[in-house]
């Protein structure tokens, strides 16, 4: 079931994947590792902030 959905949706992302690949092509492995670290940190921060915003106000 999941693979079927992936196969159905994947073609819609081919252009995006190709363009992202082109945009990142000039970076070294070390630079890409840094970019990935930044994205991971931002994701973790977004998850944390979302959780905080869902907490009821205590004021």
Protein backbone atom coordinates (compact mmCIF):
# COMPACT_ATOMS: atom_id res chain seq x y z
CA UNK A 1 0.00 0.00 0.00
CA UNK A 2 2.71 2.50 0.94
CA UNK A 3 4.84 1.68 -2.10
CA UNK A 4 1.80 2.11 -4.33
CA UNK A 5 1.26 5.61 -2.93
CA UNK A 6 4.95 6.43 -3.36
CA UNK A 7 4.79 5.26 -6.98
CA UNK A 8 1.70 7.40 -7.51
CA UNK A 9 3.10 10.56 -5.94
CA UNK A 10 6.78 10.33 -6.97
CA UNK A 11 6.37 11.64 -10.52
CA UNK A 12 5.06 14.92 -9.14
CA UNK A 13 8.40 15.51 -7.39
CA UNK A 14 10.79 14.59 -10.21
CA UNK A 15 11.30 18.18 -11.36
CA UNK A 16 11.82 19.38 -7.79
CA UNK A 17 14.33 16.61 -7.06
CA UNK A 18 16.23 17.35 -10.27
CA UNK A 19 16.33 21.10 -9.57
CA UNK A 20 17.37 20.61 -5.94
CA UNK A 21 20.14 18.30 -7.14
CA UNK A 22 21.32 20.94 -9.61
CA UNK A 23 21.22 23.64 -6.93
CA UNK A 24 23.39 21.54 -4.59
CA UNK A 25 25.74 20.14 -7.23
CA UNK A 26 28.54 22.65 -6.65
CA UNK A 27 28.91 21.97 -2.93
CA UNK A 28 31.55 19.71 -1.42
CA UNK A 29 30.60 16.77 0.79
CA UNK A 30 31.67 18.78 3.83
CA UNK A 31 29.49 21.71 2.81
CA UNK A 32 26.52 19.43 2.21
CA UNK A 33 27.05 17.89 5.65
CA UNK A 34 26.88 21.40 7.13
CA UNK A 35 23.70 22.20 5.19
CA UNK A 36 22.15 18.94 6.40
CA UNK A 37 23.14 19.76 9.98
CA UNK A 38 21.51 23.19 9.69
CA UNK A 39 18.31 21.69 8.25
CA UNK A 40 18.22 19.08 11.02
CA UNK A 41 18.67 21.73 13.72
CA UNK A 42 15.97 23.91 12.18
CA UNK A 43 13.62 20.93 12.01
CA UNK A 44 14.25 20.09 15.66
CA UNK A 45 13.65 23.72 16.58
CA UNK A 46 10.41 23.81 14.58
CA UNK A 47 9.16 20.67 16.33
CA UNK A 48 10.05 22.13 19.74
CA UNK A 49 8.40 25.49 18.99
CA UNK A 50 5.28 23.78 17.66
CA UNK A 51 5.01 21.78 20.88
CA UNK A 52 5.45 24.94 22.95
CA UNK A 53 2.74 26.74 20.99
CA UNK A 54 0.34 23.87 21.59
CA UNK A 55 0.73 24.14 25.36
CA UNK A 56 -2.07 26.04 27.07
CA UNK A 57 -1.25 29.57 28.20
CA UNK A 58 -0.61 29.77 31.94
CA UNK A 59 -0.77 33.56 32.14
